[in-house]
Amino acid sequence: MKVGVPNSERIKRKEKKEIEVRKVKEEELLREIMVKIGLERIDIQKGIMVEALLNSEATRLVMSSKFARKQGFKLKKIERPIQVRNMDGSFNKEGLIEHIVEVNIYYQGYRKRTEISMIEGQK
């Protein structure tokens, strides 16, 4: 005679595990929400549509300096460079933030003029 976990207990455990897996997947999705936004160059009022990552847990807006140069954004040197830390607390190997760009951001009828920090090593 085999003694085991009652069927109802196995079902409860399976449901609990499925809920935990769903919760983890939802948390991952919340950290990686991509939306299309408009970025407008201030100097010539020319805009482009880009995909932006929301809720990345970054403490500021950042853009690849390579992308900014390719798109013709005017980079402005900042007086005091900013040290970049990774999620694990280590220093980013790409170095300091030394430039920003001023842009208008458009999203679903909303417009905001802001500064975006330039980082190296991104697409």
PDB file of N, CA and C in Angstrom:
ATOM      1  N   MET A   1       0.839  -1.174   0.000  1.00  0.00           N
ATOM      2  CA  MET A   1       0.000   0.000   0.000  1.00  0.00           C
ATOM      3  C   MET A   1       0.884   1.238   0.000  1.00  0.00           C
ATOM      4  N   LYS A   2       0.624   2.159  -0.937  1.00  0.00           N
ATOM      5  CA  LYS A   2       1.386   3.407  -1.019  1.00  0.00           C
ATOM      6  C   LYS A   2       0.705   4.489  -0.204  1.00  0.00           C
ATOM      7  N   VAL A   3       1.541   5.212   0.512  1.00  0.00           N
ATOM      8  CA  VAL A   3       1.027   6.343   1.276  1.00  0.00           C
ATOM      9  C   VAL A   3       1.600   7.600   0.639  1.00  0.00           C
ATOM     10  N   GLY A   4       0.785   8.547   0.329  1.00  0.00           N
ATOM     11  CA  GLY A   4       1.249   9.760  -0.332  1.00  0.00           C
ATOM     12  C   GLY A   4       0.435  10.965   0.079  1.00  0.00           C
ATOM     13  N   VAL A   5       0.692  12.015  -0.586  1.00  0.00           N
ATOM     14  CA  VAL A   5      -0.026  13.260  -0.334  1.00  0.00           C
ATOM     15  C   VAL A   5      -1.392  13.152  -0.986  1.00  0.00           C
ATOM     16  N   PRO A   6      -2.444  13.491  -0.245  1.00  0.00           N
ATOM     17  CA  PRO A   6      -3.782  13.451  -0.843  1.00  0.00           C
ATOM     18  C   PRO A   6      -3.842  14.302  -2.112  1.00  0.00           C
ATOM     19  N   ASN A   7      -4.673  13.891  -3.030  1.00  0.00           N
ATOM     20  CA  ASN A   7      -4.813  14.561  -4.313  1.00  0.00           C
ATOM     21  C   ASN A   7      -5.122  16.047  -4.153  1.00  0.00           C
ATOM     22  N   SER A   8      -5.995  16.398  -3.224  1.00  0.00           N
ATOM     23  CA  SER A   8      -6.370  17.802  -3.019  1.00  0.00           C
ATOM     24  C   SER A   8      -5.162  18.633  -2.577  1.00  0.00           C
ATOM     25  N   GLU A   9      -4.260  18.035  -1.772  1.00  0.00           N
ATOM     26  CA  GLU A   9      -3.052  18.737  -1.347  1.00  0.00           C
ATOM     27  C   GLU A   9      -2.121  18.985  -2.520  1.00  0.00           C
ATOM     28  N   ARG A  10      -1.977  17.993  -3.408  1.00  0.00           N
ATOM     29  CA  ARG A  10      -1.136  18.158  -4.589  1.00  0.00           C
ATOM     30  C   ARG A  10      -1.675  19.261  -5.488  1.00  0.00           C
ATOM     31  N   ILE A  11      -2.983  19.318  -5.629  1.00  0.00           N
ATOM     32  CA  ILE A  11      -3.608  20.360  -6.446  1.00  0.00           C
ATOM     33  C   ILE A  11      -3.332  21.734  -5.839  1.00  0.00           C
ATOM     34  N   LYS A  12      -3.479  21.854  -4.511  1.00  0.00           N
ATOM     35  CA  LYS A  12      -3.220  23.136  -3.845  1.00  0.00           C
ATOM     36  C   LYS A  12      -1.773  23.573  -4.041  1.00  0.00           C
ATOM     37  N   ARG A  13      -0.832  22.624  -3.906  1.00  0.00           N
ATOM     38  CA  ARG A  13       0.586  22.943  -4.093  1.00  0.00           C
ATOM     39  C   ARG A  13       0.860  23.392  -5.524  1.00  0.00           C
ATOM     40  N   LYS A  14       0.263  22.688  -6.481  1.00  0.00           N
ATOM     41  CA  LYS A  14       0.455  23.033  -7.894  1.00  0.00           C
ATOM     42  C   LYS A  14      -0.101  24.428  -8.170  1.00  0.00           C
ATOM     43  N   GLU A  15      -1.303  24.718  -7.652  1.00  0.00           N
ATOM     44  CA  GLU A  15      -1.905  26.038  -7.853  1.00  0.00           C
ATOM     45  C   GLU A  15      -1.046  27.130  -7.220  1.00  0.00           C
ATOM     46  N   LYS A  16      -0.517  26.852  -6.024  1.00  0.00           N
ATOM     47  CA  LYS A  16       0.331  27.830  -5.339  1.00  0.00           C
ATOM     48  C   LYS A  16       1.592  28.093  -6.156  1.00  0.00           C
ATOM     49  N   LYS A  17       2.196  27.038  -6.694  1.00  0.00           N
ATOM     50  CA  LYS A  17       3.409  27.184  -7.503  1.00  0.00           C
ATOM     51  C   LYS A  17       3.105  27.981  -8.771  1.00  0.00           C
ATOM     52  N   GLU A  18       1.964  27.702  -9.417  1.00  0.00           N
ATOM     53  CA  GLU A  18       1.580  28.430 -10.628  1.00  0.00           C
ATOM     54  C   GLU A  18       1.359  29.912 -10.330  1.00  0.00           C
ATOM     55  N   ILE A  19       0.767  30.213  -9.182  1.00  0.00           N
ATOM     56  CA  ILE A  19       0.552  31.608  -8.780  1.00  0.00           C
ATOM     57  C   ILE A  19       1.890  32.304  -8.562  1.00  0.00           C
ATOM     58  N   GLU A  20       2.830  31.616  -7.901  1.00  0.00           N
ATOM     59  CA  GLU A  20       4.153  32.192  -7.667  1.00  0.00           C
ATOM     60  C   GLU A  20       4.881  32.453  -8.986  1.00  0.00           C
ATOM     61  N   VAL A  21       4.804  31.523  -9.935  1.00  0.00           N
ATOM     62  CA  VAL A  21       5.437  31.690 -11.240  1.00  0.00           C
ATOM     63  C   VAL A  21       4.820  32.870 -11.969  1.00  0.00           C
ATOM     64  N   ARG A  22       3.490  32.970 -11.951  1.00  0.00           N
ATOM     65  CA  ARG A  22       2.807  34.096 -12.588  1.00  0.00           C
ATOM     66  C   ARG A  22       3.231  35.421 -11.969  1.00  0.00           C
ATOM     67  N   LYS A  23       3.349  35.435 -10.643  1.00  0.00           N
ATOM     68  CA  LYS A  23       3.740  36.655  -9.934  1.00  0.00           C
ATOM     69  C   LYS A  23       5.143  37.091 -10.353  1.00  0.00           C
ATOM     70  N   VAL A  24       6.073  36.159 -10.442  1.00  0.00           N
ATOM     71  CA  VAL A  24       7.433  36.474 -10.873  1.00  0.00           C
ATOM     72  C   VAL A  24       7.421  37.017 -12.286  1.00  0.00           C
ATOM     73  N   LYS A  25       6.664  36.382 -13.193  1.00  0.00           N
ATOM     74  CA  LYS A  25       6.595  36.850 -14.575  1.00  0.00           C
ATOM     75  C   LYS A  25       6.005  38.252 -14.645  1.00  0.00           C
ATOM     76  N   GLU A  26       4.984  38.533 -13.840  1.00  0.00           N
ATOM     77  CA  GLU A  26       4.385  39.862 -13.825  1.00  0.00           C
ATOM     78  C   GLU A  26       5.390  40.897 -13.328  1.00  0.00           C
ATOM     79  N   GLU A  27       6.170  40.549 -12.297  1.00  0.00           N
ATOM     80  CA  GLU A  27       7.181  41.474 -11.787  1.00  0.00           C
ATOM     81  C   GLU A  27       8.244  41.745 -12.843  1.00  0.00           C
ATOM     82  N   GLU A  28       8.642  40.715 -13.592  1.00  0.00           N
ATOM     83  CA  GLU A  28       9.612  40.900 -14.672  1.00  0.00           C
ATOM     84  C   GLU A  28       9.043  41.820 -15.744  1.00  0.00           C
ATOM     85  N   LEU A  29       7.780  41.632 -16.093  1.00  0.00           N
ATOM     86  CA  LEU A  29       7.150  42.485 -17.097  1.00  0.00           C
ATOM     87  C   LEU A  29       7.091  43.932 -16.639  1.00  0.00           C
ATOM     88  N   LEU A  30       6.801  44.141 -15.365  1.00  0.00           N
ATOM     89  CA  LEU A  30       6.718  45.497 -14.851  1.00  0.00           C
ATOM     90  C   LEU A  30       8.054  46.212 -14.958  1.00  0.00           C
ATOM     91  N   ARG A  31       9.150  45.469 -14.898  1.00  0.00           N
ATOM     92  CA  ARG A  31      10.467  46.078 -15.004  1.00  0.00           C
ATOM     93  C   ARG A  31      10.871  46.323 -16.448  1.00  0.00           C
ATOM     94  N   GLU A  32      10.136  45.788 -17.410  1.00  0.00           N
ATOM     95  CA  GLU A  32      10.544  45.884 -18.802  1.00  0.00           C
ATOM     96  C   GLU A  32       9.413  46.321 -19.722  1.00  0.00           C
ATOM     97  N   ILE A  33       8.814  47.442 -19.430  1.00  0.00           N
ATOM     98  CA  ILE A  33       7.726  47.955 -20.245  1.00  0.00           C
ATOM     99  C   ILE A  33       8.306  48.874 -21.317  1.00  0.00           C
ATOM    100  N   MET A  34       8.058  48.532 -22.571  1.00  0.00           N
ATOM    101  CA  MET A  34       8.531  49.355 -23.687  1.00  0.00           C
ATOM    102  C   MET A  34       7.348  50.127 -24.261  1.00  0.00           C
ATOM    103  N   VAL A  35       7.546  51.426 -24.499  1.00  0.00           N
ATOM    104  CA  VAL A  35       6.506  52.262 -25.106  1.00  0.00           C
ATOM    105  C   VAL A  35       7.128  53.100 -26.212  1.00  0.00           C
ATOM    106  N   LYS A  36       6.316  53.465 -27.176  1.00  0.00           N
ATOM    107  CA  LYS A  36       6.776  54.365 -28.243  1.00  0.00           C
ATOM    108  C   LYS A  36       6.552  55.793 -27.779  1.00  0.00           C
ATOM    109  N   ILE A  37       7.627  56.594 -27.886  1.00  0.00           N
ATOM    110  CA  ILE A  37       7.534  58.002 -27.526  1.00  0.00           C
ATOM    111  C   ILE A  37       8.149  58.833 -28.647  1.00  0.00           C
ATOM    112  N   GLY A  38       7.834  60.104 -28.654  1.00  0.00           N
ATOM    113  CA  GLY A  38       8.473  61.028 -29.579  1.00  0.00           C
ATOM    114  C   GLY A  38       9.562  61.798 -28.858  1.00  0.00           C
ATOM    115  N   LEU A  39      10.704  61.943 -29.517  1.00  0.00           N
ATOM    116  CA  LEU A  39      11.793  62.782 -29.013  1.00  0.00           C
ATOM    117  C   LEU A  39      12.015  63.892 -30.022  1.00  0.00           C
ATOM    118  N   GLU A  40      12.008  65.118 -29.558  1.00  0.00           N
ATOM    119  CA  GLU A  40      12.188  66.250 -30.461  1.00  0.00           C
ATOM    120  C   GLU A  40      13.483  66.980 -30.138  1.00  0.00           C
ATOM    121  N   ARG A  41      14.296  67.178 -31.176  1.00  0.00           N
ATOM    122  CA  ARG A  41      15.503  67.991 -31.023  1.00  0.00           C
ATOM    123  C   ARG A  41      15.081  69.431 -30.810  1.00  0.00           C
ATOM    124  N   ILE A  42      15.580  70.042 -29.766  1.00  0.00           N
ATOM    125  CA  ILE A  42      15.213  71.411 -29.416  1.00  0.00           C
ATOM    126  C   ILE A  42      15.721  72.410 -30.455  1.00  0.00           C
ATOM    127  N   ASP A  43      16.938  72.180 -30.960  1.00  0.00           N
ATOM    128  CA  ASP A  43      17.562  73.150 -31.853  1.00  0.00           C
ATOM    129  C   ASP A  43      16.840  73.331 -33.179  1.00  0.00           C
ATOM    130  N   ILE A  44      16.243  72.264 -33.723  1.00  0.00           N
ATOM    131  CA  ILE A  44      15.582  72.391 -35.036  1.00  0.00           C
ATOM    132  C   ILE A  44      14.131  71.895 -35.027  1.00  0.00           C
ATOM    133  N   GLN A  45      13.597  71.603 -33.860  1.00  0.00           N
ATOM    134  CA  GLN A  45      12.223  71.091 -33.720  1.00  0.00           C
ATOM    135  C   GLN A  45      11.957  69.916 -34.655  1.00  0.00           C
ATOM    136  N   LYS A  46      12.920  69.019 -34.768  1.00  0.00           N
ATOM    137  CA  LYS A  46      12.758  67.810 -35.578  1.00  0.00           C
ATOM    138  C   LYS A  46      12.586  66.640 -34.627  1.00  0.00           C
ATOM    139  N   GLY A  47      11.575  65.816 -34.891  1.00  0.00           N
ATOM    140  CA  GLY A  47      11.296  64.713 -33.990  1.00  0.00           C
ATOM    141  C   GLY A  47      11.474  63.349 -34.611  1.00  0.00           C
ATOM    142  N   ILE A  48      11.644  62.366 -33.739  1.00  0.00           N
ATOM    143  CA  ILE A  48      11.716  60.970 -34.148  1.00  0.00           C
ATOM    144  C   ILE A  48      10.892  60.152 -33.167  1.00  0.00           C
ATOM    145  N   MET A  49      10.425  58.995 -33.625  1.00  0.00           N
ATOM    146  CA  MET A  49       9.735  58.050 -32.745  1.00  0.00           C
ATOM    147  C   MET A  49      10.739  56.981 -32.320  1.00  0.00           C
ATOM    148  N   VAL A  50      10.738  56.666 -31.032  1.00  0.00           N
ATOM    149  CA  VAL A  50      11.649  55.653 -30.497  1.00  0.00           C
ATOM    150  C   VAL A  50      10.901  54.782 -29.497  1.00  0.00           C
ATOM    151  N   GLU A  51      11.474  53.618 -29.208  1.00  0.00           N
ATOM    152  CA  GLU A  51      10.953  52.790 -28.128  1.00  0.00           C
ATOM    153  C   GLU A  51      11.727  53.133 -26.874  1.00  0.00           C
ATOM    154  N   ALA A  52      11.013  53.352 -25.789  1.00  0.00           N
ATOM    155  CA  ALA A  52      11.643  53.711 -24.517  1.00  0.00           C
ATOM    156  C   ALA A  52      11.308  52.650 -23.475  1.00  0.00           C
ATOM    157  N   LEU A  53      12.268  52.348 -22.648  1.00  0.00           N
ATOM    158  CA  LEU A  53      12.084  51.404 -21.553  1.00  0.00           C
ATOM    159  C   LEU A  53      11.613  52.178 -20.335  1.00  0.00           C
ATOM    160  N   LEU A  54      10.469  51.801 -19.811  1.00  0.00           N
ATOM    161  CA  LEU A  54       9.943  52.438 -18.604  1.00  0.00           C
ATOM    162  C   LEU A  54      10.187  51.543 -17.403  1.00  0.00           C
ATOM    163  N   ASN A  55      10.246  52.162 -16.239  1.00  0.00           N
ATOM    164  CA  ASN A  55      10.389  51.429 -14.992  1.00  0.00           C
ATOM    165  C   ASN A  55      11.626  50.531 -14.994  1.00  0.00           C
ATOM    166  N   SER A  56      12.731  51.056 -15.483  1.00  0.00           N
ATOM    167  CA  SER A  56      13.972  50.282 -15.517  1.00  0.00           C
ATOM    168  C   SER A  56      14.711  50.355 -14.191  1.00  0.00           C
ATOM    169  N   GLU A  57      14.154  51.076 -13.237  1.00  0.00           N
ATOM    170  CA  GLU A  57      14.740  51.325 -11.929  1.00  0.00           C
ATOM    171  C   GLU A  57      15.954  52.248 -12.014  1.00  0.00           C
ATOM    172  N   ALA A  58      16.137  52.894 -13.167  1.00  0.00           N
ATOM    173  CA  ALA A  58      17.182  53.908 -13.282  1.00  0.00           C
ATOM    174  C   ALA A  58      16.725  55.137 -12.509  1.00  0.00           C
ATOM    175  N   THR A  59      17.674  55.917 -12.012  1.00  0.00           N
ATOM    176  CA  THR A  59      17.326  57.103 -11.225  1.00  0.00           C
ATOM    177  C   THR A  59      17.254  58.361 -12.074  1.00  0.00           C
ATOM    178  N   ARG A  60      17.523  58.229 -13.368  1.00  0.00           N
ATOM    179  CA  ARG A  60      17.451  59.370 -14.282  1.00  0.00           C
ATOM    180  C   ARG A  60      17.160  58.858 -15.680  1.00  0.00           C
ATOM    181  N   LEU A  61      16.798  59.772 -16.569  1.00  0.00           N
ATOM    182  CA  LEU A  61      16.610  59.416 -17.972  1.00  0.00           C
ATOM    183  C   LEU A  61      17.970  59.259 -18.618  1.00  0.00           C
ATOM    184  N   VAL A  62      18.156  58.189 -19.372  1.00  0.00           N
ATOM    185  CA  VAL A  62      19.440  57.958 -20.040  1.00  0.00           C
ATOM    186  C   VAL A  62      19.220  57.560 -21.492  1.00  0.00           C
ATOM    187  N   MET A  63      20.217  57.900 -22.309  1.00  0.00           N
ATOM    188  CA  MET A  63      20.196  57.577 -23.732  1.00  0.00           C
ATOM    189  C   MET A  63      21.619  57.238 -24.143  1.00  0.00           C
ATOM    190  N   SER A  64      21.742  56.373 -25.096  1.00  0.00           N
ATOM    191  CA  SER A  64      23.050  56.033 -25.639  1.00  0.00           C
ATOM    192  C   SER A  64      23.643  57.254 -26.342  1.00  0.00           C
ATOM    193  N   SER A  65      24.877  57.597 -26.003  1.00  0.00           N
ATOM    194  CA  SER A  65      25.521  58.730 -26.666  1.00  0.00           C
ATOM    195  C   SER A  65      25.753  58.421 -28.144  1.00  0.00           C
ATOM    196  N   LYS A  66      25.989  57.165 -28.453  1.00  0.00           N
ATOM    197  CA  LYS A  66      26.165  56.751 -29.854  1.00  0.00           C
ATOM    198  C   LYS A  66      24.875  57.018 -30.648  1.00  0.00           C
ATOM    199  N   PHE A  67      23.736  56.649 -30.071  1.00  0.00           N
ATOM    200  CA  PHE A  67      22.433  56.884 -30.703  1.00  0.00           C
ATOM    201  C   PHE A  67      22.173  58.385 -30.850  1.00  0.00           C
ATOM    202  N   ALA A  68      22.464  59.138 -29.793  1.00  0.00           N
ATOM    203  CA  ALA A  68      22.228  60.590 -29.821  1.00  0.00           C
ATOM    204  C   ALA A  68      23.034  61.266 -30.928  1.00  0.00           C
ATOM    205  N   ARG A  69      24.290  60.885 -31.054  1.00  0.00           N
ATOM    206  CA  ARG A  69      25.131  61.464 -32.111  1.00  0.00           C
ATOM    207  C   ARG A  69      24.600  61.090 -33.496  1.00  0.00           C
ATOM    208  N   LYS A  70      24.221  59.829 -33.644  1.00  0.00           N
ATOM    209  CA  LYS A  70      23.702  59.344 -34.933  1.00  0.00           C
ATOM    210  C   LYS A  70      22.448  60.116 -35.341  1.00  0.00           C
ATOM    211  N   GLN A  71      21.616  60.463 -34.360  1.00  0.00           N
ATOM    212  CA  GLN A  71      20.372  61.183 -34.633  1.00  0.00           C
ATOM    213  C   GLN A  71      20.571  62.701 -34.714  1.00  0.00           C
ATOM    214  N   GLY A  72      21.778  63.164 -34.463  1.00  0.00           N
ATOM    215  CA  GLY A  72      22.074  64.589 -34.584  1.00  0.00           C
ATOM    216  C   GLY A  72      21.732  65.433 -33.369  1.00  0.00           C
ATOM    217  N   PHE A  73      21.504  64.793 -32.214  1.00  0.00           N
ATOM    218  CA  PHE A  73      21.228  65.573 -31.007  1.00  0.00           C
ATOM    219  C   PHE A  73      22.472  66.346 -30.593  1.00  0.00           C
ATOM    220  N   LYS A  74      22.272  67.541 -30.089  1.00  0.00           N
ATOM    221  CA  LYS A  74      23.377  68.395 -29.647  1.00  0.00           C
ATOM    222  C   LYS A  74      23.722  68.023 -28.201  1.00  0.00           C
ATOM    223  N   LEU A  75      24.911  67.441 -28.010  1.00  0.00           N
ATOM    224  CA  LEU A  75      25.353  67.050 -26.676  1.00  0.00           C
ATOM    225  C   LEU A  75      25.928  68.248 -25.941  1.00  0.00           C
ATOM    226  N   LYS A  76      25.525  68.383 -24.690  1.00  0.00           N
ATOM    227  CA  LYS A  76      25.999  69.489 -23.865  1.00  0.00           C
ATOM    228  C   LYS A  76      26.816  68.908 -22.704  1.00  0.00           C
ATOM    229  N   LYS A  77      28.063  69.373 -22.561  1.00  0.00           N
ATOM    230  CA  LYS A  77      28.938  68.890 -21.488  1.00  0.00           C
ATOM    231  C   LYS A  77      28.443  69.435 -20.152  1.00  0.00           C
ATOM    232  N   ILE A  78      28.413  68.563 -19.140  1.00  0.00           N
ATOM    233  CA  ILE A  78      27.991  69.014 -17.806  1.00  0.00           C
ATOM    234  C   ILE A  78      29.222  69.353 -16.974  1.00  0.00           C
ATOM    235  N   GLU A  79      29.053  70.263 -16.014  1.00  0.00           N
ATOM    236  CA  GLU A  79      30.176  70.730 -15.190  1.00  0.00           C
ATOM    237  C   GLU A  79      30.743  69.630 -14.305  1.00  0.00           C
ATOM    238  N   ARG A  80      29.869  68.851 -13.689  1.00  0.00           N
ATOM    239  CA  ARG A  80      30.300  67.818 -12.756  1.00  0.00           C
ATOM    240  C   ARG A  80      29.848  66.455 -13.264  1.00  0.00           C
ATOM    241  N   PRO A  81      30.774  65.653 -13.784  1.00  0.00           N
ATOM    242  CA  PRO A  81      30.406  64.315 -14.266  1.00  0.00           C
ATOM    243  C   PRO A  81      29.744  63.481 -13.161  1.00  0.00           C
ATOM    244  N   ILE A  82      28.872  62.577 -13.579  1.00  0.00           N
ATOM    245  CA  ILE A  82      28.097  61.759 -12.647  1.00  0.00           C
ATOM    246  C   ILE A  82      28.569  60.312 -12.741  1.00  0.00           C
ATOM    247  N   GLN A  83      28.884  59.728 -11.587  1.00  0.00           N
ATOM    248  CA  GLN A  83      29.298  58.330 -11.540  1.00  0.00           C
ATOM    249  C   GLN A  83      28.072  57.436 -11.758  1.00  0.00           C
ATOM    250  N   VAL A  84      28.209  56.406 -12.558  1.00  0.00           N
ATOM    251  CA  VAL A  84      27.106  55.495 -12.865  1.00  0.00           C
ATOM    252  C   VAL A  84      27.320  54.188 -12.111  1.00  0.00           C
ATOM    253  N   ARG A  85      26.282  53.755 -11.419  1.00  0.00           N
ATOM    254  CA  ARG A  85      26.330  52.463 -10.725  1.00  0.00           C
ATOM    255  C   ARG A  85      25.341  51.512 -11.377  1.00  0.00           C
ATOM    256  N   ASN A  86      25.712  50.251 -11.395  1.00  0.00           N
ATOM    257  CA  ASN A  86      24.836  49.207 -11.914  1.00  0.00           C
ATOM    258  C   ASN A  86      23.837  48.801 -10.839  1.00  0.00           C
ATOM    259  N   MET A  87      22.877  47.955 -11.222  1.00  0.00           N
ATOM    260  CA  MET A  87      21.842  47.505 -10.289  1.00  0.00           C
ATOM    261  C   MET A  87      22.451  46.828  -9.055  1.00  0.00           C
ATOM    262  N   ASP A  88      23.581  46.149  -9.233  1.00  0.00           N
ATOM    263  CA  ASP A  88      24.198  45.436  -8.109  1.00  0.00           C
ATOM    264  C   ASP A  88      25.086  46.330  -7.251  1.00  0.00           C
ATOM    265  N   GLY A  89      25.150  47.636  -7.577  1.00  0.00           N
ATOM    266  CA  GLY A  89      25.930  48.576  -6.791  1.00  0.00           C
ATOM    267  C   GLY A  89      27.345  48.801  -7.305  1.00  0.00           C
ATOM    268  N   SER A  90      27.798  47.977  -8.234  1.00  0.00           N
ATOM    269  CA  SER A  90      29.146  48.151  -8.781  1.00  0.00           C
ATOM    270  C   SER A  90      29.164  49.350  -9.734  1.00  0.00           C
ATOM    271  N   PHE A  91      30.365  49.904  -9.949  1.00  0.00           N
ATOM    272  CA  PHE A  91      30.495  51.028 -10.871  1.00  0.00           C
ATOM    273  C   PHE A  91      30.403  50.529 -12.305  1.00  0.00           C
ATOM    274  N   ASN A  92      29.726  51.295 -13.156  1.00  0.00           N
ATOM    275  CA  ASN A  92      29.585  50.935 -14.560  1.00  0.00           C
ATOM    276  C   ASN A  92      30.921  51.073 -15.259  1.00  0.00           C
ATOM    277  N   LYS A  93      31.296  50.047 -16.016  1.00  0.00           N
ATOM    278  CA  LYS A  93      32.611  50.035 -16.676  1.00  0.00           C
ATOM    279  C   LYS A  93      32.719  51.057 -17.801  1.00  0.00           C
ATOM    280  N   GLU A  94      31.596  51.570 -18.292  1.00  0.00           N
ATOM    281  CA  GLU A  94      31.618  52.541 -19.382  1.00  0.00           C
ATOM    282  C   GLU A  94      31.998  53.944 -18.918  1.00  0.00           C
ATOM    283  N   GLY A  95      32.045  54.146 -17.617  1.00  0.00           N
ATOM    284  CA  GLY A  95      32.526  55.429 -17.113  1.00  0.00           C
ATOM    285  C   GLY A  95      31.438  56.375 -16.655  1.00  0.00           C
ATOM    286  N   LEU A  96      31.807  57.640 -16.617  1.00  0.00           N
ATOM    287  CA  LEU A  96      30.954  58.701 -16.080  1.00  0.00           C
ATOM    288  C   LEU A  96      29.965  59.236 -17.106  1.00  0.00           C
ATOM    289  N   ILE A  97      28.900  59.830 -16.597  1.00  0.00           N
ATOM    290  CA  ILE A  97      28.013  60.620 -17.458  1.00  0.00           C
ATOM    291  C   ILE A  97      28.650  61.995 -17.536  1.00  0.00           C
ATOM    292  N   GLU A  98      28.996  62.412 -18.760  1.00  0.00           N
ATOM    293  CA  GLU A  98      29.660  63.698 -18.943  1.00  0.00           C
ATOM    294  C   GLU A  98      28.875  64.655 -19.830  1.00  0.00           C
ATOM    295  N   HIS A  99      27.812  64.134 -20.487  1.00  0.00           N
ATOM    296  CA  HIS A  99      27.018  64.963 -21.408  1.00  0.00           C
ATOM    297  C   HIS A  99      25.523  64.708 -21.190  1.00  0.00           C
ATOM    298  N   ILE A 100      24.737  65.686 -21.587  1.00  0.00           N
ATOM    299  CA  ILE A 100      23.280  65.563 -21.610  1.00  0.00           C
ATOM    300  C   ILE A 100      22.785  66.087 -22.951  1.00  0.00           C
ATOM    301  N   VAL A 101      21.533  65.779 -23.265  1.00  0.00           N
ATOM    302  CA  VAL A 101      20.855  66.424 -24.384  1.00  0.00           C
ATOM    303  C   VAL A 101      19.536  66.979 -23.851  1.00  0.00           C
ATOM    304  N   GLU A 102      19.137  68.104 -24.393  1.00  0.00           N
ATOM    305  CA  GLU A 102      17.837  68.683 -24.059  1.00  0.00           C
ATOM    306  C   GLU A 102      16.865  68.293 -25.159  1.00  0.00           C
ATOM    307  N   VAL A 103      15.716  67.759 -24.768  1.00  0.00           N
ATOM    308  CA  VAL A 103      14.723  67.296 -25.728  1.00  0.00           C
ATOM    309  C   VAL A 103      13.318  67.628 -25.229  1.00  0.00           C
ATOM    310  N   ASN A 104      12.376  67.574 -26.151  1.00  0.00           N
ATOM    311  CA  ASN A 104      10.966  67.515 -25.799  1.00  0.00           C
ATOM    312  C   ASN A 104      10.562  66.061 -25.958  1.00  0.00           C
ATOM    313  N   ILE A 105       9.889  65.540 -24.956  1.00  0.00           N
ATOM    314  CA  ILE A 105       9.378  64.174 -25.006  1.00  0.00           C
ATOM    315  C   ILE A 105       7.876  64.255 -25.211  1.00  0.00           C
ATOM    316  N   TYR A 106       7.380  63.468 -26.154  1.00  0.00           N
ATOM    317  CA  TYR A 106       5.942  63.403 -26.435  1.00  0.00           C
ATOM    318  C   TYR A 106       5.435  61.994 -26.188  1.00  0.00           C
ATOM    319  N   TYR A 107       4.296  61.920 -25.481  1.00  0.00           N
ATOM    320  CA  TYR A 107       3.667  60.625 -25.265  1.00  0.00           C
ATOM    321  C   TYR A 107       2.172  60.837 -25.054  1.00  0.00           C
ATOM    322  N   GLN A 108       1.383  60.294 -25.954  1.00  0.00           N
ATOM    323  CA  GLN A 108      -0.083  60.346 -25.875  1.00  0.00           C
ATOM    324  C   GLN A 108      -0.604  61.739 -25.519  1.00  0.00           C
ATOM    325  N   GLY A 109      -0.168  62.737 -26.259  1.00  0.00           N
ATOM    326  CA  GLY A 109      -0.645  64.099 -26.052  1.00  0.00           C
ATOM    327  C   GLY A 109       0.086  64.870 -24.967  1.00  0.00           C
ATOM    328  N   TYR A 110       0.951  64.221 -24.250  1.00  0.00           N
ATOM    329  CA  TYR A 110       1.735  64.853 -23.184  1.00  0.00           C
ATOM    330  C   TYR A 110       3.063  65.321 -23.764  1.00  0.00           C
ATOM    331  N   ARG A 111       3.506  66.514 -23.370  1.00  0.00           N
ATOM    332  CA  ARG A 111       4.792  67.048 -23.838  1.00  0.00           C
ATOM    333  C   ARG A 111       5.565  67.570 -22.641  1.00  0.00           C
ATOM    334  N   LYS A 112       6.854  67.217 -22.591  1.00  0.00           N
ATOM    335  CA  LYS A 112       7.703  67.716 -21.509  1.00  0.00           C
ATOM    336  C   LYS A 112       9.097  67.981 -22.040  1.00  0.00           C
ATOM    337  N   ARG A 113       9.607  69.147 -21.713  1.00  0.00           N
ATOM    338  CA  ARG A 113      11.000  69.485 -22.044  1.00  0.00           C
ATOM    339  C   ARG A 113      11.860  68.978 -20.888  1.00  0.00           C
ATOM    340  N   THR A 114      12.913  68.236 -21.221  1.00  0.00           N
ATOM    341  CA  THR A 114      13.739  67.642 -20.171  1.00  0.00           C
ATOM    342  C   THR A 114      15.160  67.411 -20.665  1.00  0.00           C
ATOM    343  N   GLU A 115      16.015  67.024 -19.751  1.00  0.00           N
ATOM    344  CA  GLU A 115      17.391  66.666 -20.073  1.00  0.00           C
ATOM    345  C   GLU A 115      17.554  65.162 -19.940  1.00  0.00           C
ATOM    346  N   ILE A 116      18.301  64.576 -20.873  1.00  0.00           N
ATOM    347  CA  ILE A 116      18.579  63.146 -20.830  1.00  0.00           C
ATOM    348  C   ILE A 116      20.086  62.965 -20.737  1.00  0.00           C
ATOM    349  N   SER A 117      20.516  62.152 -19.788  1.00  0.00           N
ATOM    350  CA  SER A 117      21.937  61.873 -19.601  1.00  0.00           C
ATOM    351  C   SER A 117      22.436  60.911 -20.657  1.00  0.00           C
ATOM    352  N   MET A 118      23.656  61.137 -21.120  1.00  0.00           N
ATOM    353  CA  MET A 118      24.269  60.286 -22.144  1.00  0.00           C
ATOM    354  C   MET A 118      25.136  59.219 -21.479  1.00  0.00           C
ATOM    355  N   ILE A 119      24.926  57.968 -21.900  1.00  0.00           N
ATOM    356  CA  ILE A 119      25.766  56.879 -21.414  1.00  0.00           C
ATOM    357  C   ILE A 119      26.385  56.163 -22.601  1.00  0.00           C
ATOM    358  N   GLU A 120      27.547  55.595 -22.391  1.00  0.00           N
ATOM    359  CA  GLU A 120      28.236  54.847 -23.428  1.00  0.00           C
ATOM    360  C   GLU A 120      27.813  53.385 -23.378  1.00  0.00           C
ATOM    361  N   GLY A 121      28.144  52.660 -24.430  1.00  0.00           N
ATOM    362  CA  GLY A 121      27.981  51.211 -24.414  1.00  0.00           C
ATOM    363  C   GLY A 121      26.582  50.681 -24.641  1.00  0.00           C
ATOM    364  N   GLN A 122      25.635  51.508 -25.019  1.00  0.00           N
ATOM    365  CA  GLN A 122      24.276  51.054 -25.289  1.00  0.00           C
ATOM    366  C   GLN A 122      23.979  51.223 -26.769  1.00  0.00           C
ATOM    367  N   LYS A 123      22.933  50.548 -27.233  1.00  0.00           N
ATOM    368  CA  LYS A 123      22.526  50.644 -28.632  1.00  0.00           C
ATOM    369  C   LYS A 123      21.850  51.968 -28.925  1.00  0.00           C
TER     370      LYS A 123
END
